[in-house]
């Protein structure tokens, strides 16, 4: 942008008029190149000095970033958004909000196979023999038979979900995330189970009878 003064002679030759020539500049390039161009124009305007009659204000506005579409058209670039890997993130409750978010480690299995639990004690039917003879078909019958063997032959009058998990694994039956949930259902609806202590289970008298009847015609 340049500004020049011209003397125009009118009726009063001593009268001086001021003219201003405006040049529009167009810059093209990256953000750093455009910023350098804006700075150069600003310095050039400031070098001309203040106007003697009027104060002129020049506003330089940076256009939004643009991208070229496939058909040759130029489109305004949309603001960048974080990539979504399709996977939700889990925040750590003990982590400071100002720091980066991390994912929690998966929870440890609720039950593990009890290697010390003897599944074939001497003098009594082994787990395999007892369950094979009973041949339970439904999930409820499997829990009843497993519970009955644990109490009568496995040596655990009161047992836990870990005992049931071990028995089901040994019999290659499908396990559940919560091995005691079926027991709570049978306790509520049939009174087949009771809780002698925290986390402990045992069959009631009618529960033992129901277990003995599994597999009978």
C-alpha atoms as a PDB file:
ATOM      1  CA  UNK A   1       0.000   0.000   0.000  1.00  0.00           C
ATOM      2  CA  UNK A   2       1.407   3.435  -0.964  1.00  0.00           C
ATOM      3  CA  UNK A   3       0.271   6.916  -0.274  1.00  0.00           C
ATOM      4  CA  UNK A   4       1.354   9.966  -2.237  1.00  0.00           C
ATOM      5  CA  UNK A   5       0.587  13.659  -2.204  1.00  0.00           C
ATOM      6  CA  UNK A   6      -0.236  15.700  -5.239  1.00  0.00           C
ATOM      7  CA  UNK A   7      -0.579  19.435  -5.509  1.00  0.00           C
ATOM      8  CA  UNK A   8      -3.719  20.464  -7.330  1.00  0.00           C
ATOM      9  CA  UNK A   9      -3.906  24.065  -8.500  1.00  0.00           C
ATOM     10  CA  UNK A  10      -7.346  25.548  -8.190  1.00  0.00           C
ATOM     11  CA  UNK A  11      -8.700  29.043  -8.029  1.00  0.00           C
ATOM     12  CA  UNK A  12      -6.574  29.485  -4.996  1.00  0.00           C
ATOM     13  CA  UNK A  13      -3.172  28.248  -6.045  1.00  0.00           C
ATOM     14  CA  UNK A  14      -1.999  28.250  -2.481  1.00  0.00           C
ATOM     15  CA  UNK A  15      -4.573  25.610  -1.535  1.00  0.00           C
ATOM     16  CA  UNK A  16      -3.084  22.152  -1.188  1.00  0.00           C
ATOM     17  CA  UNK A  17      -5.155  18.980  -1.432  1.00  0.00           C
ATOM     18  CA  UNK A  18      -4.191  15.482  -0.339  1.00  0.00           C
ATOM     19  CA  UNK A  19      -4.857  12.358  -2.315  1.00  0.00           C
ATOM     20  CA  UNK A  20      -4.374   8.768  -1.284  1.00  0.00           C
ATOM     21  CA  UNK A  21      -3.808   5.807  -3.565  1.00  0.00           C
ATOM     22  CA  UNK A  22      -4.889   2.422  -2.162  1.00  0.00           C
ATOM     23  CA  UNK A  23      -3.319  -0.767  -3.451  1.00  0.00           C
ATOM     24  CA  UNK A  24      -4.898  -4.117  -2.525  1.00  0.00           C
ATOM     25  CA  UNK A  25      -2.369  -6.868  -1.936  1.00  0.00           C
ATOM     26  CA  UNK A  26      -3.174 -10.558  -2.037  1.00  0.00           C
ATOM     27  CA  UNK A  27      -0.963 -13.052  -0.244  1.00  0.00           C
ATOM     28  CA  UNK A  28      -0.883 -16.774  -0.731  1.00  0.00           C
ATOM     29  CA  UNK A  29       1.037 -19.337   1.252  1.00  0.00           C
ATOM     30  CA  UNK A  30       1.313 -20.971   4.629  1.00  0.00           C
ATOM     31  CA  UNK A  31       0.424 -19.340   7.931  1.00  0.00           C
ATOM     32  CA  UNK A  32       4.021 -18.308   8.602  1.00  0.00           C
ATOM     33  CA  UNK A  33       4.409 -16.796   5.133  1.00  0.00           C
ATOM     34  CA  UNK A  34       1.132 -14.864   5.498  1.00  0.00           C
ATOM     35  CA  UNK A  35       2.176 -13.538   8.902  1.00  0.00           C
ATOM     36  CA  UNK A  36       5.462 -12.264   7.450  1.00  0.00           C
ATOM     37  CA  UNK A  37       3.522 -10.546   4.654  1.00  0.00           C
ATOM     38  CA  UNK A  38       1.173  -8.855   7.137  1.00  0.00           C
ATOM     39  CA  UNK A  39       4.142  -7.644   9.188  1.00  0.00           C
ATOM     40  CA  UNK A  40       5.840  -6.221   6.092  1.00  0.00           C
ATOM     41  CA  UNK A  41       2.698  -4.298   5.058  1.00  0.00           C
ATOM     42  CA  UNK A  42       2.261  -2.922   8.571  1.00  0.00           C
ATOM     43  CA  UNK A  43       5.860  -1.702   8.654  1.00  0.00           C
ATOM     44  CA  UNK A  44       5.459  -0.059   5.256  1.00  0.00           C
ATOM     45  CA  UNK A  45       2.327   1.785   6.367  1.00  0.00           C
ATOM     46  CA  UNK A  46       3.975   2.960   9.566  1.00  0.00           C
ATOM     47  CA  UNK A  47       6.966   4.237   7.563  1.00  0.00           C
ATOM     48  CA  UNK A  48       4.717   6.633   5.630  1.00  0.00           C
ATOM     49  CA  UNK A  49       4.056   8.569   8.813  1.00  0.00           C
ATOM     50  CA  UNK A  50       0.791  10.052  10.089  1.00  0.00           C
ATOM     51  CA  UNK A  51      -1.556  11.919   7.783  1.00  0.00           C
ATOM     52  CA  UNK A  52      -1.535  15.732   8.043  1.00  0.00           C
ATOM     53  CA  UNK A  53      -5.307  16.047   7.856  1.00  0.00           C
ATOM     54  CA  UNK A  54      -7.061  12.770   8.594  1.00  0.00           C
ATOM     55  CA  UNK A  55      -6.235   9.701  10.624  1.00  0.00           C
ATOM     56  CA  UNK A  56      -6.467   6.615   8.435  1.00  0.00           C
ATOM     57  CA  UNK A  57      -6.866   3.195  10.020  1.00  0.00           C
ATOM     58  CA  UNK A  58      -5.879   0.071   8.128  1.00  0.00           C
ATOM     59  CA  UNK A  59      -7.344  -3.240   9.264  1.00  0.00           C
ATOM     60  CA  UNK A  60      -5.624  -6.425   8.125  1.00  0.00           C
ATOM     61  CA  UNK A  61      -7.729  -9.528   8.549  1.00  0.00           C
ATOM     62  CA  UNK A  62      -6.379 -12.999   8.064  1.00  0.00           C
ATOM     63  CA  UNK A  63      -8.709 -15.251   6.009  1.00  0.00           C
ATOM     64  CA  UNK A  64      -9.685 -18.646   7.405  1.00  0.00           C
ATOM     65  CA  UNK A  65      -7.586 -21.636   6.300  1.00  0.00           C
ATOM     66  CA  UNK A  66      -8.791 -23.209   3.076  1.00  0.00           C
ATOM     67  CA  UNK A  67      -8.405 -26.578   1.442  1.00  0.00           C
ATOM     68  CA  UNK A  68      -8.896 -27.675  -2.137  1.00  0.00           C
ATOM     69  CA  UNK A  69     -11.805 -30.020  -2.835  1.00  0.00           C
ATOM     70  CA  UNK A  70     -11.564 -32.853  -5.333  1.00  0.00           C
ATOM     71  CA  UNK A  71     -13.528 -30.887  -7.986  1.00  0.00           C
ATOM     72  CA  UNK A  72     -11.141 -27.931  -7.857  1.00  0.00           C
ATOM     73  CA  UNK A  73     -13.279 -25.802  -5.548  1.00  0.00           C
ATOM     74  CA  UNK A  74     -11.740 -24.209  -2.476  1.00  0.00           C
ATOM     75  CA  UNK A  75     -13.500 -24.977   0.780  1.00  0.00           C
ATOM     76  CA  UNK A  76     -13.005 -23.607   4.261  1.00  0.00           C
ATOM     77  CA  UNK A  77     -11.141 -26.097   6.394  1.00  0.00           C
ATOM     78  CA  UNK A  78     -13.145 -27.475   9.303  1.00  0.00           C
ATOM     79  CA  UNK A  79     -11.630 -27.299  12.786  1.00  0.00           C
ATOM     80  CA  UNK A  80      -9.573 -30.284  13.704  1.00  0.00           C
ATOM     81  CA  UNK A  81     -11.213 -32.875  15.952  1.00  0.00           C
ATOM     82  CA  UNK A  82      -9.437 -35.646  17.872  1.00  0.00           C
ATOM     83  CA  UNK A  83      -9.379 -39.024  16.233  1.00  0.00           C
ATOM     84  CA  UNK A  84     -11.814 -41.584  17.538  1.00  0.00           C
ATOM     85  CA  UNK A  85     -10.399 -45.000  17.668  1.00  0.00           C
ATOM     86  CA  UNK A  86     -13.850 -46.438  18.463  1.00  0.00           C
ATOM     87  CA  UNK A  87     -12.761 -47.126  21.745  1.00  0.00           C
ATOM     88  CA  UNK A  88     -13.958 -45.204  24.763  1.00  0.00           C
ATOM     89  CA  UNK A  89     -11.386 -44.032  27.240  1.00  0.00           C
ATOM     90  CA  UNK A  90     -11.573 -44.758  30.930  1.00  0.00           C
ATOM     91  CA  UNK A  91     -10.329 -42.102  33.256  1.00  0.00           C
ATOM     92  CA  UNK A  92      -8.187 -42.844  36.268  1.00  0.00           C
ATOM     93  CA  UNK A  93      -9.980 -41.529  39.356  1.00  0.00           C
ATOM     94  CA  UNK A  94      -6.659 -40.904  41.148  1.00  0.00           C
ATOM     95  CA  UNK A  95      -5.157 -38.910  38.297  1.00  0.00           C
ATOM     96  CA  UNK A  96      -4.977 -35.141  38.256  1.00  0.00           C
ATOM     97  CA  UNK A  97      -7.400 -33.545  35.783  1.00  0.00           C
ATOM     98  CA  UNK A  98      -4.626 -31.435  34.261  1.00  0.00           C
ATOM     99  CA  UNK A  99      -2.630 -34.473  33.143  1.00  0.00           C
ATOM    100  CA  UNK A 100      -3.240 -36.830  30.199  1.00  0.00           C
ATOM    101  CA  UNK A 101      -5.974 -39.428  30.539  1.00  0.00           C
ATOM    102  CA  UNK A 102      -5.008 -43.081  30.800  1.00  0.00           C
ATOM    103  CA  UNK A 103      -6.886 -46.333  30.535  1.00  0.00           C
ATOM    104  CA  UNK A 104      -7.447 -48.535  33.537  1.00  0.00           C
ATOM    105  CA  UNK A 105      -5.924 -51.979  33.503  1.00  0.00           C
ATOM    106  CA  UNK A 106      -8.483 -54.787  33.099  1.00  0.00           C
ATOM    107  CA  UNK A 107      -9.769 -56.181  36.377  1.00  0.00           C
ATOM    108  CA  UNK A 108      -8.279 -59.415  37.635  1.00  0.00           C
ATOM    109  CA  UNK A 109     -10.441 -62.577  37.306  1.00  0.00           C
ATOM    110  CA  UNK A 110     -12.888 -62.955  40.165  1.00  0.00           C
ATOM    111  CA  UNK A 111     -12.137 -66.667  40.582  1.00  0.00           C
ATOM    112  CA  UNK A 112      -9.119 -68.890  40.027  1.00  0.00           C
ATOM    113  CA  UNK A 113      -8.858 -72.662  39.857  1.00  0.00           C
ATOM    114  CA  UNK A 114      -8.164 -74.082  43.343  1.00  0.00           C
ATOM    115  CA  UNK A 115      -5.378 -76.589  42.745  1.00  0.00           C
ATOM    116  CA  UNK A 116      -5.326 -77.578  46.424  1.00  0.00           C
ATOM    117  CA  UNK A 117      -8.986 -78.620  46.333  1.00  0.00           C
ATOM    118  CA  UNK A 118      -9.009 -82.434  46.109  1.00  0.00           C
ATOM    119  CA  UNK A 119     -11.524 -83.483  43.452  1.00  0.00           C
ATOM    120  CA  UNK A 120     -10.892 -87.223  43.890  1.00  0.00           C
ATOM    121  CA  UNK A 121     -10.634 -87.954  47.636  1.00  0.00           C
ATOM    122  CA  UNK A 122     -10.055 -91.533  48.765  1.00  0.00           C
ATOM    123  CA  UNK A 123     -13.039 -93.614  49.922  1.00  0.00           C
ATOM    124  CA  UNK A 124     -15.787 -91.494  48.319  1.00  0.00           C
ATOM    125  CA  UNK A 125     -17.051 -90.951  44.754  1.00  0.00           C
ATOM    126  CA  UNK A 126     -14.837 -88.553  42.857  1.00  0.00           C
ATOM    127  CA  UNK A 127     -16.274 -85.421  41.341  1.00  0.00           C
ATOM    128  CA  UNK A 128     -16.247 -86.963  37.854  1.00  0.00           C
ATOM    129  CA  UNK A 129     -17.988 -90.128  38.996  1.00  0.00           C
ATOM    130  CA  UNK A 130     -20.647 -88.320  41.025  1.00  0.00           C
ATOM    131  CA  UNK A 131     -21.522 -85.706  38.379  1.00  0.00           C
ATOM    132  CA  UNK A 132     -21.438 -88.183  35.494  1.00  0.00           C
ATOM    133  CA  UNK A 133     -23.909 -90.444  37.308  1.00  0.00           C
ATOM    134  CA  UNK A 134     -26.232 -87.536  38.093  1.00  0.00           C
ATOM    135  CA  UNK A 135     -25.953 -86.153  34.541  1.00  0.00           C
ATOM    136  CA  UNK A 136     -27.526 -82.734  35.274  1.00  0.00           C
ATOM    137  CA  UNK A 137     -29.052 -81.032  32.242  1.00  0.00           C
ATOM    138  CA  UNK A 138     -30.091 -77.574  33.410  1.00  0.00           C
ATOM    139  CA  UNK A 139     -27.893 -74.879  34.942  1.00  0.00           C
ATOM    140  CA  UNK A 140     -29.800 -75.044  38.229  1.00  0.00           C
ATOM    141  CA  UNK A 141     -29.275 -78.819  38.428  1.00  0.00           C
ATOM    142  CA  UNK A 142     -25.549 -78.398  37.756  1.00  0.00           C
ATOM    143  CA  UNK A 143     -25.230 -75.963  40.661  1.00  0.00           C
ATOM    144  CA  UNK A 144     -27.216 -78.265  42.932  1.00  0.00           C
ATOM    145  CA  UNK A 145     -25.133 -81.345  42.033  1.00  0.00           C
ATOM    146  CA  UNK A 146     -21.845 -79.436  42.344  1.00  0.00           C
ATOM    147  CA  UNK A 147     -22.886 -78.028  45.718  1.00  0.00           C
ATOM    148  CA  UNK A 148     -23.973 -81.444  46.989  1.00  0.00           C
ATOM    149  CA  UNK A 149     -20.674 -83.108  46.028  1.00  0.00           C
ATOM    150  CA  UNK A 150     -18.632 -80.295  47.632  1.00  0.00           C
ATOM    151  CA  UNK A 151     -20.549 -80.673  50.921  1.00  0.00           C
ATOM    152  CA  UNK A 152     -20.901 -84.473  51.102  1.00  0.00           C
ATOM    153  CA  UNK A 153     -17.681 -85.677  49.420  1.00  0.00           C
ATOM    154  CA  UNK A 154     -15.436 -82.627  48.918  1.00  0.00           C
ATOM    155  CA  UNK A 155     -14.938 -81.921  52.609  1.00  0.00           C
ATOM    156  CA  UNK A 156     -16.280 -78.343  52.536  1.00  0.00           C
ATOM    157  CA  UNK A 157     -19.494 -78.110  54.510  1.00  0.00           C
ATOM    158  CA  UNK A 158     -19.626 -74.389  53.714  1.00  0.00           C
ATOM    159  CA  UNK A 159     -18.171 -73.453  50.343  1.00  0.00           C
ATOM    160  CA  UNK A 160     -17.476 -70.352  48.237  1.00  0.00           C
ATOM    161  CA  UNK A 161     -17.807 -69.278  44.646  1.00  0.00           C
ATOM    162  CA  UNK A 162     -14.205 -70.411  44.136  1.00  0.00           C
ATOM    163  CA  UNK A 163     -15.162 -73.997  44.958  1.00  0.00           C
ATOM    164  CA  UNK A 164     -17.978 -73.904  42.426  1.00  0.00           C
ATOM    165  CA  UNK A 165     -15.705 -72.331  39.805  1.00  0.00           C
ATOM    166  CA  UNK A 166     -13.159 -75.130  40.305  1.00  0.00           C
ATOM    167  CA  UNK A 167     -15.818 -77.847  40.022  1.00  0.00           C
ATOM    168  CA  UNK A 168     -17.346 -76.333  36.875  1.00  0.00           C
ATOM    169  CA  UNK A 169     -13.920 -76.025  35.254  1.00  0.00           C
ATOM    170  CA  UNK A 170     -13.058 -79.610  36.141  1.00  0.00           C
ATOM    171  CA  UNK A 171     -16.332 -80.802  34.616  1.00  0.00           C
ATOM    172  CA  UNK A 172     -15.880 -78.505  31.591  1.00  0.00           C
ATOM    173  CA  UNK A 173     -19.174 -76.815  32.316  1.00  0.00           C
ATOM    174  CA  UNK A 174     -19.733 -73.202  31.343  1.00  0.00           C
ATOM    175  CA  UNK A 175     -18.742 -70.856  34.157  1.00  0.00           C
ATOM    176  CA  UNK A 176     -20.319 -67.508  34.995  1.00  0.00           C
ATOM    177  CA  UNK A 177     -18.845 -64.154  35.907  1.00  0.00           C
ATOM    178  CA  UNK A 178     -20.595 -64.396  39.288  1.00  0.00           C
ATOM    179  CA  UNK A 179     -20.758 -68.030  40.315  1.00  0.00           C
ATOM    180  CA  UNK A 180     -22.976 -67.227  43.301  1.00  0.00           C
ATOM    181  CA  UNK A 181     -25.729 -65.436  41.388  1.00  0.00           C
ATOM    182  CA  UNK A 182     -27.657 -68.690  40.659  1.00  0.00           C
ATOM    183  CA  UNK A 183     -27.362 -69.544  44.357  1.00  0.00           C
ATOM    184  CA  UNK A 184     -28.982 -66.255  45.331  1.00  0.00           C
ATOM    185  CA  UNK A 185     -31.822 -66.951  42.904  1.00  0.00           C
ATOM    186  CA  UNK A 186     -32.399 -70.478  44.245  1.00  0.00           C
ATOM    187  CA  UNK A 187     -32.230 -69.160  47.801  1.00  0.00           C
ATOM    188  CA  UNK A 188     -34.852 -66.498  47.086  1.00  0.00           C
ATOM    189  CA  UNK A 189     -37.243 -68.649  45.029  1.00  0.00           C
ATOM    190  CA  UNK A 190     -36.737 -72.162  46.414  1.00  0.00           C
ATOM    191  CA  UNK A 191     -34.934 -71.737  49.778  1.00  0.00           C
ATOM    192  CA  UNK A 192     -32.333 -74.246  48.546  1.00  0.00           C
ATOM    193  CA  UNK A 193     -29.363 -72.291  49.943  1.00  0.00           C
ATOM    194  CA  UNK A 194     -28.350 -70.388  53.046  1.00  0.00           C
ATOM    195  CA  UNK A 195     -25.414 -68.202  54.092  1.00  0.00           C
ATOM    196  CA  UNK A 196     -23.623 -69.414  57.223  1.00  0.00           C
ATOM    197  CA  UNK A 197     -21.059 -66.624  56.891  1.00  0.00           C
ATOM    198  CA  UNK A 198     -19.899 -63.783  54.683  1.00  0.00           C
ATOM    199  CA  UNK A 199     -19.169 -65.162  51.212  1.00  0.00           C
ATOM    200  CA  UNK A 200     -20.057 -68.688  52.338  1.00  0.00           C
ATOM    201  CA  UNK A 201     -22.830 -70.935  51.046  1.00  0.00           C
ATOM    202  CA  UNK A 202     -24.382 -74.276  51.840  1.00  0.00           C
ATOM    203  CA  UNK A 203     -27.421 -76.282  50.813  1.00  0.00           C
ATOM    204  CA  UNK A 204     -30.406 -76.384  53.121  1.00  0.00           C
ATOM    205  CA  UNK A 205     -32.157 -79.662  53.906  1.00  0.00           C
ATOM    206  CA  UNK A 206     -34.601 -79.199  51.049  1.00  0.00           C
ATOM    207  CA  UNK A 207     -31.718 -78.161  48.808  1.00  0.00           C
ATOM    208  CA  UNK A 208     -29.871 -81.405  49.525  1.00  0.00           C
ATOM    209  CA  UNK A 209     -33.047 -83.364  48.769  1.00  0.00           C
ATOM    210  CA  UNK A 210     -33.432 -81.524  45.458  1.00  0.00           C
ATOM    211  CA  UNK A 211     -29.810 -82.334  44.591  1.00  0.00           C
ATOM    212  CA  UNK A 212     -30.301 -86.043  45.388  1.00  0.00           C
ATOM    213  CA  UNK A 213     -33.317 -86.173  43.084  1.00  0.00           C
ATOM    214  CA  UNK A 214     -31.364 -84.832  40.085  1.00  0.00           C
ATOM    215  CA  UNK A 215     -30.971 -87.592  37.475  1.00  0.00           C
ATOM    216  CA  UNK A 216     -33.697 -89.821  38.921  1.00  0.00           C
ATOM    217  CA  UNK A 217     -36.526 -90.881  36.637  1.00  0.00           C
END
